[in-house]
Amino acid sequence: MRKSLEIGGFIAAAVLIVFGTAAIVLGFNGRSTVQDSLKQEQIVGTPDMTPAAISAEAKQAGLKGVKLPDKAVAGQAIDTGAKARTFAGYMRIHALEATGGLTYAQMPRYATADGKGTNDPKAAQTSPKGQPLDNPARQVWINETALSTALNASYMADQIALFGIVVGIALRLSGIGFGVLAAAGALRNREAPIAALGRKVSAPDTKLAVPSA
């Protein structure tokens, strides 16, 4: 039974080390894929993508209660998941500036001559065919949402890959620990018979008892 446990310990150690190594390799490959994909898009932060500059723009646009990015990517190539997330944050502020601080759901559906928009198709601007025109500010928001979602997905993929690397390291360390424990148990079992042979056996007492008078 003890021998089976020892063998099981070595097998568990080997499996954990193999799975840990695979997780680390996949994690690094995942991060590399994310970074390569971002580099292909050749995204560069605009000059106003600094906390100070975007704060001034938001104040000028009258934006209130909006979370502003706290990291700068101005002039930097967006080639990591973290930078992609920061860039997406600046894009959201730009979209809010263009829509007057309104999100897609808050904007009227149709366009009007004064630019305020309306939900009444009869009051909306119409096309040459007489169809009410969609609010162009909504299209700005749709474009921003699509692009920022892709950038945030890159950040999420990057973090998942990083988590895989951490898990892989933990599995490898666990495997090494199992291997050490299994090896220690095997060595202890081999040393036990040797130690028993080395013990001195006391000689039997051959003296005859003297009968008392």
N, C-alpha and C. Protein backbone atom coordinates (compact mmCIF):
# COMPACT_ATOMS: atom_id res chain seq x y z
N MET A 1 0.83 -1.21 0.00
CA MET A 1 0.00 0.00 0.00
C MET A 1 0.87 1.26 0.00
N ARG A 2 1.90 1.23 0.86
CA ARG A 2 2.80 2.38 0.94
C ARG A 2 3.51 2.61 -0.40
N LYS A 3 3.90 1.50 -1.04
CA LYS A 3 4.57 1.61 -2.34
C LYS A 3 3.65 2.24 -3.37
N SER A 4 2.38 1.88 -3.35
CA SER A 4 1.42 2.45 -4.30
C SER A 4 1.26 3.94 -4.08
N LEU A 5 1.23 4.37 -2.82
CA LEU A 5 1.12 5.80 -2.52
C LEU A 5 2.34 6.57 -3.02
N GLU A 6 3.51 5.96 -2.87
CA GLU A 6 4.73 6.60 -3.35
C GLU A 6 4.68 6.79 -4.87
N ILE A 7 4.28 5.75 -5.57
CA ILE A 7 4.20 5.83 -7.03
C ILE A 7 3.15 6.86 -7.44
N GLY A 8 2.01 6.86 -6.72
CA GLY A 8 0.98 7.85 -7.01
C GLY A 8 1.47 9.27 -6.78
N GLY A 9 2.29 9.46 -5.78
CA GLY A 9 2.85 10.79 -5.52
C GLY A 9 3.74 11.26 -6.66
N PHE A 10 4.58 10.35 -7.18
CA PHE A 10 5.44 10.72 -8.31
C PHE A 10 4.63 11.01 -9.56
N ILE A 11 3.57 10.21 -9.78
CA ILE A 11 2.73 10.44 -10.96
C ILE A 11 2.01 11.79 -10.85
N ALA A 12 1.47 12.09 -9.66
CA ALA A 12 0.79 13.37 -9.45
C ALA A 12 1.75 14.54 -9.66
N ALA A 13 2.97 14.37 -9.16
CA ALA A 13 3.97 15.43 -9.33
C ALA A 13 4.26 15.66 -10.81
N ALA A 14 4.42 14.58 -11.56
CA ALA A 14 4.72 14.71 -12.99
C ALA A 14 3.57 15.37 -13.74
N VAL A 15 2.34 14.97 -13.41
CA VAL A 15 1.16 15.55 -14.08
C VAL A 15 1.05 17.04 -13.78
N LEU A 16 1.23 17.44 -12.53
CA LEU A 16 1.14 18.85 -12.16
C LEU A 16 2.22 19.68 -12.85
N ILE A 17 3.41 19.14 -12.93
CA ILE A 17 4.50 19.88 -13.58
C ILE A 17 4.23 20.03 -15.08
N VAL A 18 3.71 18.96 -15.70
CA VAL A 18 3.40 19.04 -17.13
C VAL A 18 2.28 20.04 -17.40
N PHE A 19 1.21 19.95 -16.62
CA PHE A 19 0.10 20.88 -16.81
C PHE A 19 0.52 22.32 -16.50
N GLY A 20 1.34 22.49 -15.47
CA GLY A 20 1.83 23.83 -15.15
C GLY A 20 2.67 24.42 -16.26
N THR A 21 3.54 23.60 -16.84
CA THR A 21 4.36 24.06 -17.95
C THR A 21 3.51 24.45 -19.15
N ALA A 22 2.49 23.61 -19.43
CA ALA A 22 1.59 23.90 -20.55
C ALA A 22 0.83 25.20 -20.32
N ALA A 23 0.37 25.43 -19.09
CA ALA A 23 -0.37 26.65 -18.78
C ALA A 23 0.52 27.88 -18.95
N ILE A 24 1.77 27.78 -18.55
CA ILE A 24 2.69 28.91 -18.69
C ILE A 24 2.95 29.21 -20.16
N VAL A 25 3.18 28.17 -20.94
CA VAL A 25 3.43 28.35 -22.38
C VAL A 25 2.22 28.98 -23.06
N LEU A 26 1.02 28.46 -22.77
CA LEU A 26 -0.19 29.01 -23.37
C LEU A 26 -0.43 30.45 -22.93
N GLY A 27 -0.11 30.74 -21.68
CA GLY A 27 -0.28 32.10 -21.19
C GLY A 27 0.62 33.09 -21.92
N PHE A 28 1.88 32.72 -22.09
CA PHE A 28 2.80 33.61 -22.81
C PHE A 28 2.40 33.74 -24.28
N ASN A 29 1.94 32.64 -24.87
CA ASN A 29 1.48 32.71 -26.25
C ASN A 29 0.26 33.61 -26.38
N GLY A 30 -0.65 33.54 -25.41
CA GLY A 30 -1.84 34.39 -25.43
C GLY A 30 -1.49 35.86 -25.34
N ARG A 31 -0.59 36.21 -24.44
CA ARG A 31 -0.19 37.61 -24.31
C ARG A 31 0.52 38.10 -25.57
N SER A 32 1.33 37.23 -26.16
CA SER A 32 2.02 37.60 -27.39
C SER A 32 1.03 37.84 -28.52
N THR A 33 0.00 37.01 -28.59
CA THR A 33 -1.03 37.18 -29.63
C THR A 33 -1.76 38.51 -29.47
N VAL A 34 -2.12 38.84 -28.24
CA VAL A 34 -2.80 40.11 -27.98
C VAL A 34 -1.94 41.29 -28.39
N GLN A 35 -0.68 41.25 -28.00
CA GLN A 35 0.22 42.36 -28.31
C GLN A 35 0.47 42.48 -29.81
N ASP A 36 0.63 41.34 -30.49
CA ASP A 36 0.84 41.37 -31.94
C ASP A 36 -0.39 41.92 -32.66
N SER A 37 -1.57 41.53 -32.20
CA SER A 37 -2.80 42.02 -32.83
C SER A 37 -2.96 43.53 -32.65
N LEU A 38 -2.62 44.02 -31.48
CA LEU A 38 -2.71 45.46 -31.24
C LEU A 38 -1.69 46.23 -32.07
N LYS A 39 -0.50 45.68 -32.20
CA LYS A 39 0.53 46.35 -32.99
C LYS A 39 0.12 46.48 -34.45
N GLN A 40 -0.58 45.48 -34.96
CA GLN A 40 -1.02 45.51 -36.36
C GLN A 40 -1.97 46.67 -36.64
N GLU A 41 -2.72 47.09 -35.62
CA GLU A 41 -3.67 48.20 -35.80
C GLU A 41 -2.99 49.56 -35.80
N GLN A 42 -1.73 49.62 -35.34
CA GLN A 42 -0.94 50.86 -35.34
C GLN A 42 -1.68 52.01 -34.65
N ILE A 43 -2.20 51.71 -33.48
CA ILE A 43 -2.93 52.72 -32.70
C ILE A 43 -1.93 53.54 -31.89
N VAL A 44 -2.08 54.85 -31.94
CA VAL A 44 -1.22 55.77 -31.19
C VAL A 44 -2.10 56.75 -30.44
N GLY A 45 -1.78 56.98 -29.18
CA GLY A 45 -2.56 57.90 -28.36
C GLY A 45 -2.47 59.33 -28.88
N THR A 46 -3.59 60.03 -28.90
CA THR A 46 -3.63 61.42 -29.35
C THR A 46 -3.04 62.34 -28.28
N PRO A 47 -2.66 63.56 -28.65
CA PRO A 47 -2.00 64.46 -27.69
C PRO A 47 -2.83 64.77 -26.45
N ASP A 48 -4.15 64.69 -26.54
CA ASP A 48 -4.97 65.03 -25.38
C ASP A 48 -5.20 63.84 -24.45
N MET A 49 -4.56 62.73 -24.71
CA MET A 49 -4.77 61.55 -23.87
C MET A 49 -3.84 61.54 -22.67
N THR A 50 -3.97 62.60 -21.88
CA THR A 50 -3.30 62.70 -20.59
C THR A 50 -4.36 63.10 -19.57
N PRO A 51 -4.20 62.75 -18.31
CA PRO A 51 -5.22 63.11 -17.31
C PRO A 51 -5.52 64.60 -17.26
N ALA A 52 -4.48 65.42 -17.36
CA ALA A 52 -4.68 66.86 -17.27
C ALA A 52 -5.43 67.39 -18.49
N ALA A 53 -5.04 66.96 -19.68
CA ALA A 53 -5.67 67.46 -20.91
C ALA A 53 -7.12 67.01 -21.01
N ILE A 54 -7.40 65.75 -20.71
CA ILE A 54 -8.76 65.24 -20.84
C ILE A 54 -9.67 65.84 -19.78
N SER A 55 -9.10 66.15 -18.61
CA SER A 55 -9.89 66.80 -17.56
C SER A 55 -10.33 68.19 -18.01
N ALA A 56 -9.42 68.93 -18.65
CA ALA A 56 -9.76 70.27 -19.14
C ALA A 56 -10.82 70.18 -20.24
N GLU A 57 -10.69 69.20 -21.13
CA GLU A 57 -11.68 69.03 -22.20
C GLU A 57 -13.05 68.69 -21.63
N ALA A 58 -13.08 67.78 -20.66
CA ALA A 58 -14.35 67.37 -20.07
C ALA A 58 -15.03 68.54 -19.36
N LYS A 59 -14.23 69.35 -18.69
CA LYS A 59 -14.79 70.53 -18.01
C LYS A 59 -15.35 71.52 -19.02
N GLN A 60 -14.62 71.72 -20.11
CA GLN A 60 -15.08 72.64 -21.15
C GLN A 60 -16.37 72.14 -21.81
N ALA A 61 -16.50 70.82 -21.95
CA ALA A 61 -17.69 70.24 -22.57
C ALA A 61 -18.87 70.15 -21.60
N GLY A 62 -18.62 70.47 -20.33
CA GLY A 62 -19.68 70.42 -19.34
C GLY A 62 -20.02 69.03 -18.85
N LEU A 63 -19.08 68.08 -18.97
CA LEU A 63 -19.33 66.72 -18.51
C LEU A 63 -19.20 66.66 -16.99
N LYS A 64 -20.18 66.05 -16.36
CA LYS A 64 -20.18 65.92 -14.90
C LYS A 64 -20.48 64.48 -14.51
N GLY A 65 -19.85 64.05 -13.42
CA GLY A 65 -20.07 62.69 -12.94
C GLY A 65 -19.51 61.62 -13.84
N VAL A 66 -18.49 61.96 -14.60
CA VAL A 66 -17.88 61.02 -15.54
C VAL A 66 -16.50 60.62 -15.02
N LYS A 67 -16.22 59.33 -14.99
CA LYS A 67 -14.92 58.86 -14.55
C LYS A 67 -13.90 59.10 -15.65
N LEU A 68 -12.85 59.83 -15.32
CA LEU A 68 -11.81 60.16 -16.30
C LEU A 68 -10.62 59.22 -16.16
N PRO A 69 -9.95 58.90 -17.25
CA PRO A 69 -8.74 58.06 -17.17
C PRO A 69 -7.66 58.73 -16.32
N ASP A 70 -6.90 57.93 -15.60
CA ASP A 70 -5.85 58.46 -14.72
C ASP A 70 -4.45 58.10 -15.20
N LYS A 71 -4.35 57.54 -16.42
CA LYS A 71 -3.04 57.21 -16.98
C LYS A 71 -2.89 57.88 -18.34
N ALA A 72 -1.68 58.21 -18.69
CA ALA A 72 -1.42 58.90 -19.97
C ALA A 72 -0.92 57.91 -21.02
N VAL A 73 -1.46 58.06 -22.23
CA VAL A 73 -0.97 57.27 -23.37
C VAL A 73 -0.73 58.18 -24.58
N ALA A 74 -0.63 59.46 -24.34
CA ALA A 74 -0.43 60.41 -25.44
C ALA A 74 0.89 60.13 -26.15
N GLY A 75 0.81 59.95 -27.47
CA GLY A 75 2.01 59.70 -28.26
C GLY A 75 2.57 58.30 -28.12
N GLN A 76 1.91 57.44 -27.37
CA GLN A 76 2.42 56.08 -27.15
C GLN A 76 1.71 55.09 -28.08
N ALA A 77 2.45 54.09 -28.51
CA ALA A 77 1.85 53.01 -29.31
C ALA A 77 1.02 52.12 -28.38
N ILE A 78 -0.20 51.84 -28.79
CA ILE A 78 -1.08 51.00 -27.97
C ILE A 78 -0.80 49.55 -28.35
N ASP A 79 0.07 48.90 -27.58
CA ASP A 79 0.51 47.54 -27.92
C ASP A 79 0.40 46.56 -26.76
N THR A 80 -0.30 46.95 -25.69
CA THR A 80 -0.53 46.03 -24.58
C THR A 80 -1.99 46.14 -24.16
N GLY A 81 -2.45 45.14 -23.42
CA GLY A 81 -3.83 45.15 -22.97
C GLY A 81 -4.13 46.31 -22.05
N ALA A 82 -3.19 46.66 -21.18
CA ALA A 82 -3.40 47.76 -20.25
C ALA A 82 -3.53 49.10 -20.99
N LYS A 83 -2.68 49.31 -21.99
CA LYS A 83 -2.77 50.54 -22.77
C LYS A 83 -4.06 50.59 -23.59
N ALA A 84 -4.49 49.43 -24.08
CA ALA A 84 -5.73 49.37 -24.85
C ALA A 84 -6.92 49.78 -23.98
N ARG A 85 -6.93 49.34 -22.74
CA ARG A 85 -8.03 49.69 -21.83
C ARG A 85 -8.01 51.19 -21.53
N THR A 86 -6.83 51.74 -21.33
CA THR A 86 -6.73 53.17 -21.08
C THR A 86 -7.19 53.97 -22.30
N PHE A 87 -6.78 53.53 -23.48
CA PHE A 87 -7.19 54.20 -24.72
C PHE A 87 -8.71 54.17 -24.87
N ALA A 88 -9.32 53.04 -24.54
CA ALA A 88 -10.78 52.92 -24.60
C ALA A 88 -11.46 53.90 -23.65
N GLY A 89 -10.84 54.13 -22.50
CA GLY A 89 -11.39 55.11 -21.56
C GLY A 89 -11.39 56.52 -22.13
N TYR A 90 -10.33 56.88 -22.82
CA TYR A 90 -10.27 58.21 -23.46
C TYR A 90 -11.29 58.29 -24.60
N MET A 91 -11.46 57.21 -25.33
CA MET A 91 -12.44 57.21 -26.42
C MET A 91 -13.85 57.48 -25.89
N ARG A 92 -14.16 56.93 -24.75
CA ARG A 92 -15.48 57.16 -24.16
C ARG A 92 -15.70 58.64 -23.86
N ILE A 93 -14.67 59.29 -23.32
CA ILE A 93 -14.78 60.73 -23.03
C ILE A 93 -14.97 61.51 -24.32
N HIS A 94 -14.24 61.15 -25.36
CA HIS A 94 -14.39 61.83 -26.66
C HIS A 94 -15.82 61.67 -27.19
N ALA A 95 -16.37 60.46 -27.04
CA ALA A 95 -17.74 60.23 -27.51
C ALA A 95 -18.74 61.05 -26.71
N LEU A 96 -18.55 61.14 -25.40
CA LEU A 96 -19.45 61.94 -24.57
C LEU A 96 -19.35 63.42 -24.91
N GLU A 97 -18.16 63.87 -25.25
CA GLU A 97 -18.01 65.27 -25.68
C GLU A 97 -18.79 65.53 -26.97
N ALA A 98 -18.77 64.55 -27.88
CA ALA A 98 -19.46 64.72 -29.16
C ALA A 98 -20.97 64.63 -29.02
N THR A 99 -21.45 63.91 -28.01
CA THR A 99 -22.90 63.74 -27.85
C THR A 99 -23.49 64.63 -26.76
N GLY A 100 -22.69 65.54 -26.23
CA GLY A 100 -23.19 66.42 -25.18
C GLY A 100 -23.37 65.72 -23.85
N GLY A 101 -22.61 64.68 -23.62
CA GLY A 101 -22.67 63.97 -22.35
C GLY A 101 -23.74 62.90 -22.29
N LEU A 102 -24.37 62.59 -23.42
CA LEU A 102 -25.45 61.61 -23.45
C LEU A 102 -24.95 60.27 -23.99
N THR A 103 -25.45 59.19 -23.41
CA THR A 103 -25.15 57.86 -23.93
C THR A 103 -26.16 57.52 -25.03
N TYR A 104 -25.98 56.37 -25.65
CA TYR A 104 -26.85 55.98 -26.77
C TYR A 104 -28.32 55.97 -26.36
N ALA A 105 -28.62 55.38 -25.20
CA ALA A 105 -30.00 55.25 -24.76
C ALA A 105 -30.62 56.59 -24.38
N GLN A 106 -29.80 57.57 -24.06
CA GLN A 106 -30.32 58.87 -23.65
C GLN A 106 -30.57 59.82 -24.82
N MET A 107 -30.04 59.48 -25.98
CA MET A 107 -30.17 60.38 -27.14
C MET A 107 -31.47 60.13 -27.89
N PRO A 108 -32.07 61.19 -28.44
CA PRO A 108 -33.26 61.01 -29.29
C PRO A 108 -32.91 60.19 -30.53
N ARG A 109 -33.91 59.53 -31.07
CA ARG A 109 -33.67 58.62 -32.19
C ARG A 109 -33.42 59.35 -33.50
N TYR A 110 -34.16 60.44 -33.74
CA TYR A 110 -34.12 61.10 -35.06
C TYR A 110 -33.38 62.43 -34.99
N ALA A 111 -32.89 62.85 -36.16
CA ALA A 111 -32.16 64.11 -36.28
C ALA A 111 -33.13 65.28 -36.50
N THR A 112 -32.72 66.45 -36.01
CA THR A 112 -33.50 67.67 -36.24
C THR A 112 -32.56 68.76 -36.74
N ALA A 113 -33.14 69.81 -37.26
CA ALA A 113 -32.34 70.89 -37.82
C ALA A 113 -31.52 71.61 -36.77
N ASP A 114 -32.03 71.67 -35.54
CA ASP A 114 -31.29 72.37 -34.48
C ASP A 114 -30.24 71.48 -33.82
N GLY A 115 -30.14 70.21 -34.23
CA GLY A 115 -29.12 69.31 -33.70
C GLY A 115 -29.47 68.68 -32.38
N LYS A 116 -30.63 69.01 -31.80
CA LYS A 116 -31.00 68.45 -30.51
C LYS A 116 -31.61 67.06 -30.64
N GLY A 117 -32.20 66.76 -31.78
CA GLY A 117 -32.80 65.46 -31.99
C GLY A 117 -34.20 65.37 -31.43
N THR A 118 -34.92 64.33 -31.83
CA THR A 118 -36.29 64.13 -31.38
C THR A 118 -36.67 62.66 -31.54
N ASN A 119 -37.65 62.24 -30.75
CA ASN A 119 -38.19 60.89 -30.88
C ASN A 119 -39.47 60.87 -31.72
N ASP A 120 -39.90 62.07 -32.15
CA ASP A 120 -41.10 62.19 -32.97
C ASP A 120 -40.71 62.14 -34.45
N PRO A 121 -41.07 61.11 -35.17
CA PRO A 121 -40.67 61.03 -36.58
C PRO A 121 -41.24 62.16 -37.44
N LYS A 122 -42.37 62.74 -37.01
CA LYS A 122 -42.97 63.83 -37.79
C LYS A 122 -42.18 65.13 -37.65
N ALA A 123 -41.46 65.29 -36.53
CA ALA A 123 -40.67 66.50 -36.30
C ALA A 123 -39.23 66.35 -36.76
N ALA A 124 -38.88 65.18 -37.25
CA ALA A 124 -37.49 64.91 -37.63
C ALA A 124 -37.20 65.39 -39.04
N GLN A 125 -35.91 65.59 -39.29
CA GLN A 125 -35.48 65.86 -40.66
C GLN A 125 -35.74 64.62 -41.51
N THR A 126 -36.01 64.83 -42.76
CA THR A 126 -36.34 63.70 -43.63
C THR A 126 -35.37 63.63 -44.81
N SER A 127 -35.27 62.45 -45.35
CA SER A 127 -34.44 62.22 -46.53
C SER A 127 -35.23 62.63 -47.77
N PRO A 128 -34.58 62.65 -48.95
CA PRO A 128 -35.31 62.99 -50.19
C PRO A 128 -36.52 62.07 -50.42
N LYS A 129 -36.48 60.90 -49.85
CA LYS A 129 -37.61 59.98 -50.02
C LYS A 129 -38.69 60.17 -48.94
N GLY A 130 -38.44 61.13 -48.03
CA GLY A 130 -39.43 61.39 -47.00
C GLY A 130 -39.28 60.58 -45.74
N GLN A 131 -38.20 59.81 -45.61
CA GLN A 131 -37.96 58.99 -44.42
C GLN A 131 -37.24 59.83 -43.35
N PRO A 132 -37.64 59.70 -42.07
CA PRO A 132 -36.94 60.45 -41.01
C PRO A 132 -35.49 60.00 -40.89
N LEU A 133 -34.60 60.96 -40.69
CA LEU A 133 -33.17 60.67 -40.61
C LEU A 133 -32.78 60.29 -39.17
N ASP A 134 -31.90 59.32 -39.06
CA ASP A 134 -31.40 58.92 -37.74
C ASP A 134 -30.51 60.00 -37.15
N ASN A 135 -30.48 60.05 -35.84
CA ASN A 135 -29.63 61.00 -35.13
C ASN A 135 -28.16 60.65 -35.36
N PRO A 136 -27.36 61.52 -35.99
CA PRO A 136 -25.96 61.17 -36.26
C PRO A 136 -25.13 61.00 -35.00
N ALA A 137 -25.55 61.64 -33.90
CA ALA A 137 -24.80 61.50 -32.65
C ALA A 137 -24.87 60.06 -32.15
N ARG A 138 -25.97 59.39 -32.45
CA ARG A 138 -26.08 57.98 -32.06
C ARG A 138 -25.07 57.12 -32.81
N GLN A 139 -24.80 57.46 -34.06
CA GLN A 139 -23.83 56.70 -34.84
C GLN A 139 -22.43 56.87 -34.27
N VAL A 140 -22.15 58.08 -33.77
CA VAL A 140 -20.86 58.32 -33.11
C VAL A 140 -20.70 57.37 -31.92
N TRP A 141 -21.77 57.24 -31.16
CA TRP A 141 -21.72 56.38 -29.98
C TRP A 141 -21.57 54.92 -30.36
N ILE A 142 -22.25 54.50 -31.41
CA ILE A 142 -22.15 53.11 -31.87
C ILE A 142 -20.71 52.79 -32.27
N ASN A 143 -20.09 53.68 -33.02
CA ASN A 143 -18.71 53.46 -33.45
C ASN A 143 -17.77 53.40 -32.25
N GLU A 144 -17.98 54.31 -31.31
CA GLU A 144 -17.11 54.33 -30.13
C GLU A 144 -17.27 53.05 -29.33
N THR A 145 -18.51 52.60 -29.16
CA THR A 145 -18.77 51.39 -28.38
C THR A 145 -18.13 50.17 -29.03
N ALA A 146 -18.23 50.07 -30.35
CA ALA A 146 -17.65 48.93 -31.05
C ALA A 146 -16.13 48.89 -30.88
N LEU A 147 -15.49 50.04 -31.05
CA LEU A 147 -14.03 50.08 -30.95
C LEU A 147 -13.56 49.88 -29.52
N SER A 148 -14.22 50.53 -28.57
CA SER A 148 -13.79 50.39 -27.17
C SER A 148 -14.04 48.98 -26.65
N THR A 149 -15.10 48.33 -27.13
CA THR A 149 -15.35 46.95 -26.73
C THR A 149 -14.23 46.03 -27.21
N ALA A 150 -13.77 46.25 -28.43
CA ALA A 150 -12.66 45.45 -28.96
C ALA A 150 -11.39 45.67 -28.14
N LEU A 151 -11.14 46.92 -27.76
CA LEU A 151 -9.95 47.23 -26.96
C LEU A 151 -10.06 46.63 -25.57
N ASN A 152 -11.24 46.72 -24.97
CA ASN A 152 -11.43 46.12 -23.65
C ASN A 152 -11.33 44.60 -23.71
N ALA A 153 -11.77 44.01 -24.82
CA ALA A 153 -11.62 42.56 -24.99
C ALA A 153 -10.14 42.17 -25.04
N SER A 154 -9.32 43.03 -25.64
CA SER A 154 -7.88 42.77 -25.67
C SER A 154 -7.31 42.80 -24.25
N TYR A 155 -7.79 43.75 -23.46
CA TYR A 155 -7.33 43.83 -22.07
C TYR A 155 -7.73 42.59 -21.29
N MET A 156 -8.99 42.15 -21.48
CA MET A 156 -9.47 40.96 -20.78
C MET A 156 -8.66 39.73 -21.20
N ALA A 157 -8.39 39.59 -22.50
CA ALA A 157 -7.60 38.45 -22.98
C ALA A 157 -6.20 38.48 -22.39
N ASP A 158 -5.62 39.67 -22.28
CA ASP A 158 -4.29 39.82 -21.72
C ASP A 158 -4.28 39.40 -20.25
N GLN A 159 -5.31 39.78 -19.50
CA GLN A 159 -5.37 39.43 -18.09
C GLN A 159 -5.61 37.94 -17.89
N ILE A 160 -6.43 37.34 -18.75
CA ILE A 160 -6.66 35.90 -18.66
C ILE A 160 -5.37 35.14 -18.93
N ALA A 161 -4.61 35.61 -19.92
CA ALA A 161 -3.33 34.97 -20.22
C ALA A 161 -2.37 35.10 -19.03
N LEU A 162 -2.37 36.27 -18.39
CA LEU A 162 -1.52 36.47 -17.21
C LEU A 162 -1.96 35.55 -16.07
N PHE A 163 -3.26 35.39 -15.91
CA PHE A 163 -3.77 34.47 -14.88
C PHE A 163 -3.32 33.04 -15.17
N GLY A 164 -3.34 32.66 -16.46
CA GLY A 164 -2.87 31.33 -16.83
C GLY A 164 -1.41 31.11 -16.46
N ILE A 165 -0.60 32.14 -16.63
CA ILE A 165 0.82 32.03 -16.26
C ILE A 165 0.97 31.83 -14.76
N VAL A 166 0.20 32.60 -13.98
CA VAL A 166 0.27 32.47 -12.52
C VAL A 166 -0.18 31.08 -12.08
N VAL A 167 -1.28 30.60 -12.67
CA VAL A 167 -1.76 29.25 -12.33
C VAL A 167 -0.72 28.21 -12.72
N GLY A 168 -0.08 28.38 -13.87
CA GLY A 168 0.95 27.45 -14.29
C GLY A 168 2.10 27.38 -13.32
N ILE A 169 2.52 28.54 -12.82
CA ILE A 169 3.61 28.56 -11.83
C ILE A 169 3.18 27.84 -10.56
N ALA A 170 1.92 28.08 -10.13
CA ALA A 170 1.42 27.41 -8.93
C ALA A 170 1.37 25.89 -9.11
N LEU A 171 0.95 25.45 -10.29
CA LEU A 171 0.90 24.00 -10.55
C LEU A 171 2.30 23.39 -10.54
N ARG A 172 3.25 24.08 -11.13
CA ARG A 172 4.62 23.56 -11.15
C ARG A 172 5.18 23.45 -9.73
N LEU A 173 4.94 24.47 -8.92
CA LEU A 173 5.43 24.44 -7.54
C LEU A 173 4.75 23.31 -6.76
N SER A 174 3.45 23.13 -6.99
CA SER A 174 2.74 22.03 -6.32
C SER A 174 3.31 20.68 -6.75
N GLY A 175 3.59 20.54 -8.05
CA GLY A 175 4.16 19.30 -8.54
C GLY A 175 5.52 19.01 -7.94
N ILE A 176 6.33 20.05 -7.84
CA ILE A 176 7.65 19.87 -7.23
C ILE A 176 7.50 19.46 -5.76
N GLY A 177 6.53 20.08 -5.08
CA GLY A 177 6.29 19.72 -3.67
C GLY A 177 5.86 18.27 -3.53
N PHE A 178 4.94 17.82 -4.40
CA PHE A 178 4.52 16.42 -4.37
C PHE A 178 5.72 15.49 -4.61
N GLY A 179 6.56 15.87 -5.56
CA GLY A 179 7.72 15.03 -5.86
C GLY A 179 8.68 14.93 -4.69
N VAL A 180 8.89 16.06 -4.01
CA VAL A 180 9.80 16.05 -2.85
C VAL A 180 9.24 15.17 -1.74
N LEU A 181 7.92 15.32 -1.49
CA LEU A 181 7.31 14.50 -0.44
C LEU A 181 7.36 13.02 -0.78
N ALA A 182 7.07 12.69 -2.04
CA ALA A 182 7.11 11.29 -2.46
C ALA A 182 8.53 10.73 -2.36
N ALA A 183 9.52 11.52 -2.77
CA ALA A 183 10.91 11.06 -2.69
C ALA A 183 11.35 10.89 -1.25
N ALA A 184 10.92 11.81 -0.39
CA ALA A 184 11.29 11.70 1.02
C ALA A 184 10.69 10.45 1.65
N GLY A 185 9.44 10.15 1.28
CA GLY A 185 8.82 8.94 1.80
C GLY A 185 9.51 7.68 1.31
N ALA A 186 9.90 7.66 0.06
CA ALA A 186 10.58 6.49 -0.48
C ALA A 186 11.94 6.28 0.18
N LEU A 187 12.68 7.36 0.40
CA LEU A 187 13.99 7.24 1.05
C LEU A 187 13.85 6.77 2.48
N ARG A 188 12.82 7.28 3.16
CA ARG A 188 12.63 6.88 4.55
C ARG A 188 12.31 5.38 4.64
N ASN A 189 11.52 4.89 3.68
CA ASN A 189 11.17 3.46 3.69
C ASN A 189 12.37 2.58 3.39
N ARG A 190 13.30 3.06 2.55
CA ARG A 190 14.50 2.27 2.24
C ARG A 190 15.47 2.25 3.41
N GLU A 191 15.51 3.35 4.17
CA GLU A 191 16.45 3.44 5.27
C GLU A 191 16.00 2.64 6.49
N ALA A 192 14.67 2.39 6.58
CA ALA A 192 14.15 1.70 7.77
C ALA A 192 14.75 0.30 7.94
N PRO A 193 14.80 -0.56 6.90
CA PRO A 193 15.40 -1.90 7.08
C PRO A 193 16.88 -1.83 7.41
N ILE A 194 17.59 -0.87 6.80
CA ILE A 194 19.03 -0.74 7.07
C ILE A 194 19.26 -0.37 8.51
N ALA A 195 18.43 0.54 9.02
CA ALA A 195 18.59 0.96 10.41
C ALA A 195 18.29 -0.19 11.36
N ALA A 196 17.32 -1.01 10.97
CA ALA A 196 16.96 -2.14 11.84
C ALA A 196 18.11 -3.15 11.92
N LEU A 197 18.80 -3.38 10.80
CA LEU A 197 19.93 -4.32 10.80
C LEU A 197 21.10 -3.80 11.61
N GLY A 198 21.22 -2.48 11.67
CA GLY A 198 22.36 -1.92 12.37
C GLY A 198 22.20 -1.88 13.88
N ARG A 199 20.99 -2.17 14.36
CA ARG A 199 20.80 -2.14 15.80
C ARG A 199 21.49 -3.34 16.46
N LYS A 200 22.07 -3.17 17.62
CA LYS A 200 22.72 -4.26 18.37
C LYS A 200 21.66 -5.09 19.10
N VAL A 201 21.76 -6.39 18.92
CA VAL A 201 20.84 -7.29 19.60
C VAL A 201 21.49 -7.74 20.91
N SER A 202 20.82 -7.54 22.01
CA SER A 202 21.39 -7.90 23.31
C SER A 202 21.46 -9.42 23.47
N ALA A 203 22.59 -9.92 24.03
CA ALA A 203 22.77 -11.37 24.21
C ALA A 203 21.85 -11.88 25.31
N PRO A 204 21.33 -13.05 25.12
CA PRO A 204 20.44 -13.60 26.16
C PRO A 204 21.21 -13.89 27.46
N ASP A 205 20.55 -13.78 28.57
CA ASP A 205 21.16 -14.02 29.87
C ASP A 205 21.22 -15.54 30.12
N THR A 206 22.49 -16.06 30.15
CA THR A 206 22.69 -17.51 30.28
C THR A 206 23.03 -17.93 31.71
N LYS A 207 23.08 -16.96 32.62
CA LYS A 207 23.43 -17.30 33.99
C LYS A 207 22.29 -18.07 34.64
N LEU A 208 22.71 -19.09 35.35
CA LEU A 208 21.70 -19.88 36.06
C LEU A 208 21.40 -19.21 37.39
N ALA A 209 20.17 -19.23 37.71
CA ALA A 209 19.78 -18.65 38.99
C ALA A 209 20.27 -19.54 40.14
N VAL A 210 20.91 -18.96 41.14
CA VAL A 210 21.39 -19.72 42.31
C VAL A 210 20.25 -19.89 43.26
N PRO A 211 19.93 -21.14 43.59
CA PRO A 211 18.82 -21.36 44.52
C PRO A 211 19.16 -20.82 45.88
N SER A 212 18.22 -20.20 46.48
CA SER A 212 18.41 -19.63 47.84
C SER A 212 18.38 -20.73 48.85
N ALA A 213 19.15 -20.55 49.94
CA ALA A 213 19.21 -21.57 50.99
C ALA A 213 17.92 -21.56 51.79
